[in-house]
Amino acid sequence: MVTVRVTLDQEGNVTSSEVEAGRPPLTGYAMTAAQKWTFIPDYKRETREVLLSFVFAGIRETEERSHVEGSLIEPLTMRLVYVESTVRRLPRDGGEIAEKRCPVHQEVMKVDLVPIHYGYPGIYVGDESSRESRRLSEREAFWEAQQKLFPESNWSVGGGCVVHSEKKTEVYYCRACREAELAWLRHHPDFDRQE
C-alpha cells in the first residue's frame, strides 16, 4: 500500500502531493495517479489536504493488451491490478497491421496467434551410423525444405532461452506455406517436429 497526501485548491484540483508511506517504484506510480485526481470544489477554504491510499494488488494475466484496472475500495482508497498481456503483438500503424506477401507464393499473408516455445533447440551429434546423426540429417532436410518450400508457415515461434511473460505471439503466415509443410510431413511420416 502507498499513501499520498495531496493538497487541493478551491476548485478541487491537486496542487501538490507527497508520499506518506510506501516503497519505490510503487510510490512513483501512486504520485502520478494522485496528481490526476479531482475533487468537489470547496470555496470556503483556500486549500485543503486529503490522504489517498493506493493498494497495489498484484498482477493478473490476459491475452488482451496490458493495462491497469482500478476500483475504489473506499472513497479515498483505490485498488490497482496490473493486467499483463501474455501475447506479443505485431507492430501497428494507425491501429492496422501492415500487409505482407509470402516470398515464395506471393500471396498476401494472414495473421495468426501461435505459441512461443522457450528453451534451447536440440542439436544432435554423432557418427554417420548413429540414431542422432539420422535425426540431424532429417532435421537438416526439414530446414532446407522449410527455407525453399514453406518459409512462412509459422505454426509457432522460438522465444529463446530466457522465458518472458508472453506465451503466444501474433505472426504472419502464408496459407500455401502451411499446406506445403503439411504435404512435406505426409511424405516424411517418420519425421518428428517435436524432437
N, C-alpha and C. Protein backbone atom coordinates (compact mmCIF):
# COMPACT_ATOMS: atom_id res chain seq x y z
N MET A 1 0.85 -1.19 0.00
CA MET A 1 0.00 0.00 0.00
C MET A 1 0.89 1.24 0.00
N VAL A 2 0.45 2.24 -0.75
CA VAL A 2 1.12 3.53 -0.76
C VAL A 2 0.10 4.59 -0.37
N THR A 3 0.48 5.48 0.53
CA THR A 3 -0.39 6.59 0.90
C THR A 3 0.26 7.89 0.43
N VAL A 4 -0.57 8.75 -0.13
CA VAL A 4 -0.10 10.02 -0.67
C VAL A 4 -0.98 11.14 -0.12
N ARG A 5 -0.35 12.17 0.46
CA ARG A 5 -1.08 13.34 0.94
C ARG A 5 -1.07 14.37 -0.18
N VAL A 6 -2.28 14.80 -0.57
CA VAL A 6 -2.41 15.79 -1.64
C VAL A 6 -2.99 17.08 -1.09
N THR A 7 -2.55 18.19 -1.66
CA THR A 7 -3.10 19.50 -1.32
C THR A 7 -3.98 19.92 -2.48
N LEU A 8 -5.17 20.43 -2.16
CA LEU A 8 -6.16 20.82 -3.17
C LEU A 8 -6.39 22.31 -3.14
N ASP A 9 -6.69 22.88 -4.30
CA ASP A 9 -7.11 24.28 -4.35
C ASP A 9 -8.63 24.34 -4.19
N GLN A 10 -9.19 25.54 -4.26
CA GLN A 10 -10.63 25.71 -4.07
C GLN A 10 -11.45 25.00 -5.14
N GLU A 11 -10.88 24.83 -6.34
CA GLU A 11 -11.59 24.17 -7.44
C GLU A 11 -11.59 22.65 -7.30
N GLY A 12 -10.80 22.10 -6.37
CA GLY A 12 -10.71 20.65 -6.18
C GLY A 12 -9.59 20.02 -6.97
N ASN A 13 -8.68 20.82 -7.54
CA ASN A 13 -7.53 20.31 -8.27
C ASN A 13 -6.36 20.06 -7.34
N VAL A 14 -5.59 19.03 -7.62
CA VAL A 14 -4.39 18.72 -6.83
C VAL A 14 -3.30 19.71 -7.21
N THR A 15 -2.77 20.42 -6.20
CA THR A 15 -1.70 21.39 -6.46
C THR A 15 -0.34 20.84 -6.04
N SER A 16 -0.32 19.89 -5.10
CA SER A 16 0.94 19.26 -4.70
C SER A 16 0.63 17.90 -4.08
N SER A 17 1.64 17.05 -4.05
CA SER A 17 1.46 15.73 -3.45
C SER A 17 2.77 15.29 -2.80
N GLU A 18 2.62 14.47 -1.77
CA GLU A 18 3.79 13.98 -1.03
C GLU A 18 3.50 12.57 -0.53
N VAL A 19 4.45 11.67 -0.72
CA VAL A 19 4.28 10.29 -0.27
C VAL A 19 4.41 10.24 1.24
N GLU A 20 3.44 9.60 1.89
CA GLU A 20 3.47 9.42 3.35
C GLU A 20 4.04 8.07 3.72
N ALA A 21 3.71 7.04 2.90
CA ALA A 21 4.20 5.68 3.17
C ALA A 21 4.22 4.89 1.87
N GLY A 22 5.16 3.96 1.77
CA GLY A 22 5.25 3.11 0.59
C GLY A 22 6.68 2.97 0.12
N ARG A 23 6.87 2.12 -0.90
CA ARG A 23 8.21 1.86 -1.43
C ARG A 23 8.25 2.12 -2.93
N PRO A 24 9.41 2.60 -3.40
CA PRO A 24 9.58 2.74 -4.85
C PRO A 24 9.58 1.35 -5.49
N PRO A 25 9.18 1.17 -6.71
CA PRO A 25 8.71 2.19 -7.65
C PRO A 25 7.22 2.49 -7.50
N LEU A 26 6.54 1.77 -6.60
CA LEU A 26 5.09 1.98 -6.44
C LEU A 26 4.76 3.40 -6.00
N THR A 27 5.66 4.01 -5.23
CA THR A 27 5.39 5.38 -4.78
C THR A 27 5.31 6.33 -5.97
N GLY A 28 6.16 6.13 -6.96
CA GLY A 28 6.13 6.97 -8.16
C GLY A 28 4.83 6.82 -8.93
N TYR A 29 4.37 5.56 -9.05
CA TYR A 29 3.09 5.32 -9.74
C TYR A 29 1.94 5.97 -8.98
N ALA A 30 1.97 5.85 -7.66
CA ALA A 30 0.90 6.44 -6.84
C ALA A 30 0.91 7.96 -6.94
N MET A 31 2.10 8.57 -6.92
CA MET A 31 2.20 10.03 -7.04
C MET A 31 1.63 10.50 -8.38
N THR A 32 1.97 9.81 -9.45
CA THR A 32 1.46 10.17 -10.78
C THR A 32 -0.05 10.06 -10.81
N ALA A 33 -0.59 8.97 -10.25
CA ALA A 33 -2.04 8.79 -10.23
C ALA A 33 -2.72 9.84 -9.35
N ALA A 34 -2.14 10.12 -8.19
CA ALA A 34 -2.74 11.08 -7.25
C ALA A 34 -2.86 12.47 -7.87
N GLN A 35 -1.90 12.85 -8.67
CA GLN A 35 -1.91 14.18 -9.28
C GLN A 35 -3.00 14.32 -10.34
N LYS A 36 -3.59 13.22 -10.77
CA LYS A 36 -4.66 13.26 -11.78
C LYS A 36 -6.05 13.30 -11.16
N TRP A 37 -6.15 13.09 -9.85
CA TRP A 37 -7.46 13.11 -9.21
C TRP A 37 -8.01 14.54 -9.17
N THR A 38 -9.33 14.64 -9.19
CA THR A 38 -10.00 15.92 -8.95
C THR A 38 -11.09 15.69 -7.91
N PHE A 39 -11.38 16.73 -7.18
CA PHE A 39 -12.33 16.64 -6.07
C PHE A 39 -13.40 17.72 -6.22
N ILE A 40 -14.44 17.61 -5.43
CA ILE A 40 -15.53 18.59 -5.42
C ILE A 40 -14.97 19.94 -4.93
N PRO A 41 -15.29 21.01 -5.62
CA PRO A 41 -14.81 22.34 -5.18
C PRO A 41 -15.29 22.68 -3.77
N ASP A 42 -14.46 23.45 -3.07
CA ASP A 42 -14.81 23.95 -1.73
C ASP A 42 -14.32 25.40 -1.66
N TYR A 43 -15.24 26.34 -1.89
CA TYR A 43 -14.87 27.75 -1.97
C TYR A 43 -14.75 28.39 -0.60
N LYS A 44 -15.08 27.65 0.46
CA LYS A 44 -14.98 28.19 1.82
C LYS A 44 -13.52 28.17 2.31
N ARG A 45 -12.72 27.22 1.76
CA ARG A 45 -11.32 27.10 2.18
C ARG A 45 -10.41 27.35 0.98
N GLU A 46 -9.31 28.02 1.25
CA GLU A 46 -8.37 28.30 0.17
C GLU A 46 -7.65 27.03 -0.26
N THR A 47 -7.24 26.24 0.70
CA THR A 47 -6.61 24.93 0.42
C THR A 47 -7.12 23.91 1.42
N ARG A 48 -6.97 22.67 1.07
CA ARG A 48 -7.28 21.56 1.99
C ARG A 48 -6.39 20.39 1.64
N GLU A 49 -6.24 19.46 2.59
CA GLU A 49 -5.41 18.27 2.37
C GLU A 49 -6.26 17.02 2.46
N VAL A 50 -5.90 16.04 1.64
CA VAL A 50 -6.59 14.75 1.62
C VAL A 50 -5.53 13.66 1.58
N LEU A 51 -5.76 12.57 2.31
CA LEU A 51 -4.85 11.43 2.30
C LEU A 51 -5.45 10.33 1.42
N LEU A 52 -4.75 10.01 0.32
CA LEU A 52 -5.19 8.97 -0.61
C LEU A 52 -4.39 7.70 -0.37
N SER A 53 -5.05 6.55 -0.51
CA SER A 53 -4.37 5.25 -0.38
C SER A 53 -4.49 4.48 -1.68
N PHE A 54 -3.39 3.87 -2.09
CA PHE A 54 -3.35 3.04 -3.30
C PHE A 54 -2.90 1.64 -2.89
N VAL A 55 -3.77 0.66 -3.12
CA VAL A 55 -3.45 -0.73 -2.80
C VAL A 55 -3.06 -1.41 -4.10
N PHE A 56 -1.78 -1.78 -4.22
CA PHE A 56 -1.30 -2.48 -5.41
C PHE A 56 -1.51 -3.97 -5.17
N ALA A 57 -2.48 -4.55 -5.89
CA ALA A 57 -2.94 -5.91 -5.59
C ALA A 57 -2.34 -6.97 -6.51
N GLY A 58 -1.20 -6.69 -7.12
CA GLY A 58 -0.51 -7.73 -7.88
C GLY A 58 -0.74 -7.67 -9.37
N ILE A 59 -0.48 -8.81 -9.99
CA ILE A 59 -0.51 -8.93 -11.45
C ILE A 59 -1.45 -10.05 -11.84
N ARG A 60 -2.20 -9.83 -12.90
CA ARG A 60 -3.06 -10.86 -13.48
C ARG A 60 -2.73 -10.92 -14.96
N GLU A 61 -2.87 -12.10 -15.55
CA GLU A 61 -2.55 -12.27 -16.96
C GLU A 61 -3.80 -12.22 -17.83
N THR A 62 -3.59 -11.78 -19.09
CA THR A 62 -4.67 -11.72 -20.07
C THR A 62 -4.08 -11.86 -21.47
N GLU A 63 -4.90 -12.25 -22.43
CA GLU A 63 -4.47 -12.24 -23.82
C GLU A 63 -4.76 -10.88 -24.47
N GLU A 64 -5.49 -10.02 -23.77
CA GLU A 64 -5.76 -8.67 -24.26
C GLU A 64 -4.51 -7.82 -24.05
N ARG A 65 -4.57 -6.56 -24.41
CA ARG A 65 -3.44 -5.65 -24.21
C ARG A 65 -3.22 -5.40 -22.71
N SER A 66 -1.98 -5.14 -22.32
CA SER A 66 -1.67 -4.83 -20.92
C SER A 66 -2.36 -3.54 -20.52
N HIS A 67 -2.81 -3.50 -19.27
CA HIS A 67 -3.46 -2.30 -18.76
C HIS A 67 -3.53 -2.39 -17.24
N VAL A 68 -3.96 -1.32 -16.63
CA VAL A 68 -4.15 -1.28 -15.18
C VAL A 68 -5.64 -1.19 -14.91
N GLU A 69 -6.12 -2.04 -14.01
CA GLU A 69 -7.52 -1.98 -13.59
C GLU A 69 -7.57 -1.37 -12.20
N GLY A 70 -8.44 -0.41 -12.03
CA GLY A 70 -8.58 0.24 -10.74
C GLY A 70 -10.01 0.22 -10.26
N SER A 71 -10.17 0.11 -8.95
CA SER A 71 -11.51 0.17 -8.38
C SER A 71 -11.42 0.84 -7.00
N LEU A 72 -12.44 1.60 -6.67
CA LEU A 72 -12.47 2.24 -5.36
C LEU A 72 -12.92 1.24 -4.31
N ILE A 73 -12.12 1.10 -3.26
CA ILE A 73 -12.48 0.24 -2.13
C ILE A 73 -13.29 1.07 -1.15
N GLU A 74 -12.79 2.26 -0.89
CA GLU A 74 -13.44 3.27 -0.05
C GLU A 74 -13.31 4.58 -0.80
N PRO A 75 -13.96 5.64 -0.35
CA PRO A 75 -13.89 6.90 -1.11
C PRO A 75 -12.48 7.39 -1.44
N LEU A 76 -11.51 7.17 -0.58
CA LEU A 76 -10.15 7.68 -0.83
C LEU A 76 -9.12 6.55 -0.96
N THR A 77 -9.58 5.35 -1.21
CA THR A 77 -8.68 4.20 -1.35
C THR A 77 -8.95 3.50 -2.67
N MET A 78 -7.92 3.35 -3.48
CA MET A 78 -8.05 2.72 -4.78
C MET A 78 -7.23 1.43 -4.82
N ARG A 79 -7.85 0.38 -5.34
CA ARG A 79 -7.19 -0.92 -5.53
C ARG A 79 -6.78 -1.00 -7.00
N LEU A 80 -5.48 -1.30 -7.24
CA LEU A 80 -4.95 -1.36 -8.60
C LEU A 80 -4.37 -2.74 -8.88
N VAL A 81 -4.68 -3.27 -10.06
CA VAL A 81 -4.12 -4.55 -10.51
C VAL A 81 -3.51 -4.32 -11.88
N TYR A 82 -2.26 -4.75 -12.04
CA TYR A 82 -1.62 -4.67 -13.35
C TYR A 82 -2.01 -5.92 -14.12
N VAL A 83 -2.69 -5.74 -15.24
CA VAL A 83 -3.13 -6.85 -16.07
C VAL A 83 -2.14 -6.94 -17.24
N GLU A 84 -1.31 -7.98 -17.17
CA GLU A 84 -0.20 -8.12 -18.12
C GLU A 84 -0.58 -9.03 -19.28
N SER A 85 -0.31 -8.56 -20.49
CA SER A 85 -0.62 -9.35 -21.68
C SER A 85 0.37 -10.50 -21.82
N THR A 86 -0.16 -11.66 -22.18
CA THR A 86 0.69 -12.82 -22.44
C THR A 86 0.88 -13.00 -23.94
N VAL A 87 0.51 -11.98 -24.70
CA VAL A 87 0.59 -12.04 -26.16
C VAL A 87 1.55 -10.96 -26.67
N ARG A 88 2.51 -11.38 -27.49
CA ARG A 88 3.39 -10.44 -28.18
C ARG A 88 2.69 -10.04 -29.48
N ARG A 89 2.51 -8.76 -29.68
CA ARG A 89 1.73 -8.29 -30.82
C ARG A 89 2.62 -7.76 -31.94
N LEU A 90 2.13 -7.90 -33.17
CA LEU A 90 2.81 -7.31 -34.32
C LEU A 90 2.66 -5.80 -34.26
N PRO A 91 3.63 -5.07 -34.82
CA PRO A 91 3.50 -3.60 -34.84
C PRO A 91 2.30 -3.16 -35.67
N ARG A 92 1.73 -2.05 -35.27
CA ARG A 92 0.59 -1.48 -35.98
C ARG A 92 0.90 -0.05 -36.39
N ASP A 93 0.33 0.33 -37.51
CA ASP A 93 0.44 1.70 -37.98
C ASP A 93 -0.98 2.23 -38.07
N GLY A 94 -1.30 3.17 -37.21
CA GLY A 94 -2.66 3.69 -37.17
C GLY A 94 -3.66 2.63 -36.75
N GLY A 95 -3.22 1.69 -35.92
CA GLY A 95 -4.09 0.62 -35.45
C GLY A 95 -4.18 -0.57 -36.39
N GLU A 96 -3.55 -0.49 -37.56
CA GLU A 96 -3.63 -1.56 -38.57
C GLU A 96 -2.30 -2.28 -38.71
N ILE A 97 -2.37 -3.59 -38.93
CA ILE A 97 -1.17 -4.40 -39.21
C ILE A 97 -0.88 -4.27 -40.71
N ALA A 98 0.38 -4.01 -41.02
CA ALA A 98 0.77 -3.82 -42.42
C ALA A 98 0.57 -5.11 -43.22
N GLU A 99 0.26 -4.93 -44.51
CA GLU A 99 0.12 -6.08 -45.40
C GLU A 99 1.52 -6.60 -45.74
N LYS A 100 1.64 -7.94 -45.82
CA LYS A 100 2.92 -8.56 -46.14
C LYS A 100 2.65 -9.74 -47.07
N ARG A 101 3.54 -9.96 -48.03
CA ARG A 101 3.38 -11.05 -49.00
C ARG A 101 4.41 -12.14 -48.75
N CYS A 102 4.00 -13.37 -49.02
CA CYS A 102 4.90 -14.52 -48.91
C CYS A 102 5.95 -14.44 -50.01
N PRO A 103 7.23 -14.60 -49.68
CA PRO A 103 8.27 -14.51 -50.70
C PRO A 103 8.24 -15.69 -51.69
N VAL A 104 7.64 -16.81 -51.31
CA VAL A 104 7.58 -17.98 -52.19
C VAL A 104 6.31 -18.00 -53.02
N HIS A 105 5.17 -17.82 -52.37
CA HIS A 105 3.87 -17.96 -53.05
C HIS A 105 3.26 -16.62 -53.48
N GLN A 106 3.85 -15.52 -53.07
CA GLN A 106 3.40 -14.17 -53.43
C GLN A 106 1.98 -13.84 -53.00
N GLU A 107 1.40 -14.63 -52.10
CA GLU A 107 0.05 -14.30 -51.64
C GLU A 107 0.13 -13.41 -50.41
N VAL A 108 -0.91 -12.62 -50.20
CA VAL A 108 -0.98 -11.77 -49.01
C VAL A 108 -1.14 -12.69 -47.81
N MET A 109 -0.28 -12.48 -46.83
CA MET A 109 -0.31 -13.35 -45.65
C MET A 109 -1.39 -12.90 -44.67
N LYS A 110 -1.85 -13.86 -43.88
CA LYS A 110 -2.83 -13.62 -42.83
C LYS A 110 -2.09 -13.52 -41.49
N VAL A 111 -2.81 -13.19 -40.43
CA VAL A 111 -2.23 -13.09 -39.10
C VAL A 111 -2.86 -14.16 -38.22
N ASP A 112 -2.02 -14.83 -37.44
CA ASP A 112 -2.47 -15.89 -36.54
C ASP A 112 -1.85 -15.68 -35.18
N LEU A 113 -2.43 -16.28 -34.17
CA LEU A 113 -1.90 -16.26 -32.81
C LEU A 113 -1.34 -17.66 -32.54
N VAL A 114 0.00 -17.75 -32.32
CA VAL A 114 0.65 -19.06 -32.18
C VAL A 114 1.45 -19.12 -30.88
N PRO A 115 1.76 -20.33 -30.40
CA PRO A 115 2.53 -20.45 -29.17
C PRO A 115 3.98 -20.04 -29.34
N ILE A 116 4.57 -19.56 -28.25
CA ILE A 116 6.00 -19.28 -28.19
C ILE A 116 6.63 -20.42 -27.40
N HIS A 117 7.65 -21.05 -27.97
CA HIS A 117 8.37 -22.13 -27.29
C HIS A 117 9.72 -21.60 -26.82
N TYR A 118 9.93 -21.64 -25.51
CA TYR A 118 11.19 -21.18 -24.94
C TYR A 118 12.12 -22.36 -24.72
N GLY A 119 13.41 -22.07 -24.72
CA GLY A 119 14.41 -23.11 -24.47
C GLY A 119 15.38 -23.19 -25.62
N TYR A 120 16.38 -24.02 -25.45
CA TYR A 120 17.44 -24.18 -26.44
C TYR A 120 17.07 -25.33 -27.36
N PRO A 121 17.09 -25.12 -28.68
CA PRO A 121 16.75 -26.22 -29.60
C PRO A 121 17.80 -27.32 -29.52
N GLY A 122 17.34 -28.57 -29.62
CA GLY A 122 18.26 -29.71 -29.52
C GLY A 122 19.18 -29.81 -30.71
N ILE A 123 20.42 -30.19 -30.45
CA ILE A 123 21.40 -30.43 -31.51
C ILE A 123 21.89 -31.86 -31.34
N TYR A 124 21.87 -32.59 -32.43
CA TYR A 124 22.25 -33.99 -32.38
C TYR A 124 23.64 -34.16 -33.00
N VAL A 125 24.51 -34.84 -32.29
CA VAL A 125 25.87 -35.06 -32.77
C VAL A 125 26.16 -36.54 -32.68
N GLY A 126 26.83 -37.06 -33.66
CA GLY A 126 27.19 -38.48 -33.62
C GLY A 126 27.79 -38.91 -34.94
N ASP A 127 28.23 -40.18 -35.01
CA ASP A 127 28.78 -40.64 -36.28
C ASP A 127 27.65 -40.98 -37.23
N GLU A 128 28.00 -41.28 -38.49
CA GLU A 128 27.00 -41.47 -39.55
C GLU A 128 26.03 -42.61 -39.27
N SER A 129 26.41 -43.60 -38.50
CA SER A 129 25.54 -44.75 -38.26
C SER A 129 24.63 -44.57 -37.05
N SER A 130 24.84 -43.53 -36.28
CA SER A 130 24.06 -43.37 -35.05
C SER A 130 22.67 -42.81 -35.32
N ARG A 131 21.77 -43.04 -34.38
CA ARG A 131 20.40 -42.52 -34.47
C ARG A 131 20.39 -41.00 -34.43
N GLU A 132 21.30 -40.40 -33.63
CA GLU A 132 21.37 -38.96 -33.52
C GLU A 132 21.77 -38.33 -34.85
N SER A 133 22.68 -38.98 -35.56
CA SER A 133 23.10 -38.47 -36.86
C SER A 133 21.93 -38.51 -37.86
N ARG A 134 21.14 -39.59 -37.81
CA ARG A 134 19.97 -39.68 -38.69
C ARG A 134 18.97 -38.58 -38.36
N ARG A 135 18.76 -38.32 -37.07
CA ARG A 135 17.86 -37.24 -36.68
C ARG A 135 18.36 -35.89 -37.18
N LEU A 136 19.69 -35.68 -37.11
CA LEU A 136 20.26 -34.43 -37.58
C LEU A 136 20.03 -34.27 -39.07
N SER A 137 20.24 -35.31 -39.84
CA SER A 137 20.04 -35.20 -41.29
C SER A 137 18.55 -35.00 -41.62
N GLU A 138 17.63 -35.61 -40.84
CA GLU A 138 16.20 -35.38 -41.04
C GLU A 138 15.85 -33.92 -40.74
N ARG A 139 16.42 -33.41 -39.66
CA ARG A 139 16.16 -32.03 -39.28
C ARG A 139 16.72 -31.09 -40.35
N GLU A 140 17.93 -31.39 -40.86
CA GLU A 140 18.51 -30.56 -41.92
C GLU A 140 17.63 -30.59 -43.17
N ALA A 141 17.09 -31.76 -43.51
CA ALA A 141 16.20 -31.88 -44.68
C ALA A 141 14.94 -31.03 -44.46
N PHE A 142 14.41 -31.05 -43.24
CA PHE A 142 13.22 -30.24 -42.94
C PHE A 142 13.55 -28.76 -43.06
N TRP A 143 14.69 -28.34 -42.47
CA TRP A 143 15.07 -26.92 -42.53
C TRP A 143 15.26 -26.46 -43.97
N GLU A 144 15.88 -27.32 -44.80
CA GLU A 144 16.09 -26.97 -46.20
C GLU A 144 14.75 -26.82 -46.93
N ALA A 145 13.84 -27.78 -46.68
CA ALA A 145 12.50 -27.70 -47.29
C ALA A 145 11.77 -26.47 -46.78
N GLN A 146 11.92 -26.18 -45.51
CA GLN A 146 11.25 -25.01 -44.93
C GLN A 146 11.72 -23.73 -45.61
N GLN A 147 13.01 -23.58 -45.82
CA GLN A 147 13.53 -22.37 -46.45
C GLN A 147 13.05 -22.22 -47.89
N LYS A 148 12.95 -23.34 -48.61
CA LYS A 148 12.61 -23.28 -50.03
C LYS A 148 11.11 -23.36 -50.30
N LEU A 149 10.39 -24.20 -49.55
CA LEU A 149 9.00 -24.51 -49.88
C LEU A 149 7.96 -23.85 -48.98
N PHE A 150 8.28 -23.68 -47.71
CA PHE A 150 7.27 -23.14 -46.78
C PHE A 150 7.90 -22.27 -45.69
N PRO A 151 8.58 -21.18 -46.09
CA PRO A 151 9.26 -20.34 -45.09
C PRO A 151 8.32 -19.55 -44.18
N GLU A 152 7.07 -19.40 -44.59
CA GLU A 152 6.13 -18.58 -43.81
C GLU A 152 4.95 -19.41 -43.28
N SER A 153 5.22 -20.68 -42.91
CA SER A 153 4.14 -21.49 -42.31
C SER A 153 3.87 -21.03 -40.88
N ASN A 154 4.92 -20.77 -40.13
CA ASN A 154 4.84 -20.12 -38.81
C ASN A 154 3.75 -20.68 -37.90
N TRP A 155 3.86 -21.96 -37.57
CA TRP A 155 2.92 -22.61 -36.63
C TRP A 155 3.24 -22.23 -35.18
N SER A 156 4.49 -21.89 -34.93
CA SER A 156 4.93 -21.47 -33.60
C SER A 156 6.19 -20.63 -33.78
N VAL A 157 6.68 -20.08 -32.68
CA VAL A 157 7.86 -19.22 -32.72
C VAL A 157 8.78 -19.61 -31.57
N GLY A 158 10.08 -19.62 -31.83
CA GLY A 158 11.07 -19.84 -30.78
C GLY A 158 11.27 -18.56 -30.00
N GLY A 159 11.23 -18.66 -28.68
CA GLY A 159 11.36 -17.48 -27.84
C GLY A 159 12.73 -17.27 -27.25
N GLY A 160 13.65 -18.21 -27.52
CA GLY A 160 14.99 -18.09 -26.95
C GLY A 160 15.08 -18.78 -25.60
N CYS A 161 16.21 -18.59 -24.96
CA CYS A 161 16.49 -19.28 -23.69
C CYS A 161 15.88 -18.58 -22.48
N VAL A 162 15.66 -17.27 -22.58
CA VAL A 162 15.12 -16.52 -21.45
C VAL A 162 13.59 -16.49 -21.58
N VAL A 163 12.92 -17.03 -20.58
CA VAL A 163 11.46 -17.09 -20.61
C VAL A 163 10.88 -15.73 -20.21
N HIS A 164 9.98 -15.22 -21.06
CA HIS A 164 9.31 -13.94 -20.80
C HIS A 164 7.85 -14.21 -20.46
N SER A 165 7.10 -13.16 -20.18
CA SER A 165 5.70 -13.33 -19.79
C SER A 165 4.82 -13.74 -20.97
N GLU A 166 5.25 -13.43 -22.19
CA GLU A 166 4.43 -13.77 -23.36
C GLU A 166 4.43 -15.27 -23.59
N LYS A 167 3.24 -15.82 -23.81
CA LYS A 167 3.07 -17.25 -24.09
C LYS A 167 2.68 -17.48 -25.55
N LYS A 168 2.13 -16.44 -26.18
CA LYS A 168 1.70 -16.52 -27.58
C LYS A 168 2.18 -15.26 -28.29
N THR A 169 2.20 -15.34 -29.61
CA THR A 169 2.59 -14.19 -30.40
C THR A 169 1.77 -14.12 -31.69
N GLU A 170 1.55 -12.91 -32.15
CA GLU A 170 0.93 -12.73 -33.45
C GLU A 170 2.02 -12.94 -34.50
N VAL A 171 1.69 -13.67 -35.56
CA VAL A 171 2.63 -13.90 -36.66
C VAL A 171 1.90 -13.75 -37.99
N TYR A 172 2.66 -13.41 -39.01
CA TYR A 172 2.17 -13.52 -40.36
C TYR A 172 2.31 -14.98 -40.76
N TYR A 173 1.37 -15.50 -41.54
CA TYR A 173 1.53 -16.84 -42.09
C TYR A 173 0.93 -16.88 -43.48
N CYS A 174 1.48 -17.78 -44.27
CA CYS A 174 1.01 -17.99 -45.63
C CYS A 174 0.23 -19.30 -45.66
N ARG A 175 -1.00 -19.24 -46.13
CA ARG A 175 -1.85 -20.43 -46.21
C ARG A 175 -1.20 -21.50 -47.09
N ALA A 176 -0.62 -21.08 -48.22
CA ALA A 176 0.03 -22.04 -49.13
C ALA A 176 1.27 -22.67 -48.48
N CYS A 177 2.00 -21.90 -47.68
CA CYS A 177 3.16 -22.45 -46.96
C CYS A 177 2.72 -23.52 -45.97
N ARG A 178 1.64 -23.25 -45.24
CA ARG A 178 1.16 -24.24 -44.28
C ARG A 178 0.72 -25.52 -44.99
N GLU A 179 0.05 -25.37 -46.12
CA GLU A 179 -0.35 -26.56 -46.89
C GLU A 179 0.87 -27.31 -47.41
N ALA A 180 1.91 -26.58 -47.85
CA ALA A 180 3.14 -27.21 -48.35
C ALA A 180 3.86 -27.95 -47.23
N GLU A 181 3.88 -27.37 -46.03
CA GLU A 181 4.53 -28.05 -44.90
C GLU A 181 3.78 -29.33 -44.54
N LEU A 182 2.47 -29.28 -44.49
CA LEU A 182 1.69 -30.48 -44.18
C LEU A 182 1.91 -31.56 -45.24
N ALA A 183 2.00 -31.16 -46.50
CA ALA A 183 2.27 -32.12 -47.58
C ALA A 183 3.66 -32.74 -47.40
N TRP A 184 4.66 -31.92 -47.05
CA TRP A 184 6.02 -32.43 -46.83
C TRP A 184 6.01 -33.42 -45.68
N LEU A 185 5.31 -33.11 -44.61
CA LEU A 185 5.25 -34.00 -43.44
C LEU A 185 4.54 -35.32 -43.78
N ARG A 186 3.52 -35.28 -44.64
CA ARG A 186 2.85 -36.52 -45.06
C ARG A 186 3.81 -37.41 -45.84
N HIS A 187 4.73 -36.80 -46.60
CA HIS A 187 5.71 -37.57 -47.38
C HIS A 187 6.92 -38.00 -46.55
N HIS A 188 7.01 -37.52 -45.33
CA HIS A 188 8.09 -37.89 -44.40
C HIS A 188 7.48 -38.28 -43.06
N PRO A 189 6.75 -39.41 -43.02
CA PRO A 189 5.99 -39.78 -41.82
C PRO A 189 6.86 -40.07 -40.59
N ASP A 190 8.13 -40.38 -40.78
CA ASP A 190 9.00 -40.69 -39.63
C ASP A 190 9.59 -39.44 -38.97
N PHE A 191 9.42 -38.31 -39.64
CA PHE A 191 9.99 -37.07 -39.09
C PHE A 191 9.13 -36.58 -37.93
N ASP A 192 9.78 -36.26 -36.83
CA ASP A 192 9.09 -35.78 -35.64
C ASP A 192 9.51 -34.34 -35.38
N ARG A 193 8.60 -33.39 -35.57
CA ARG A 193 8.91 -31.97 -35.37
C ARG A 193 9.22 -31.68 -33.90
N GLN A 194 8.76 -32.50 -32.99
CA GLN A 194 8.93 -32.22 -31.57
C GLN A 194 10.32 -32.55 -31.07
N GLU A 195 11.06 -33.37 -31.78
CA GLU A 195 12.40 -33.74 -31.30
C GLU A 195 13.37 -32.62 -31.47
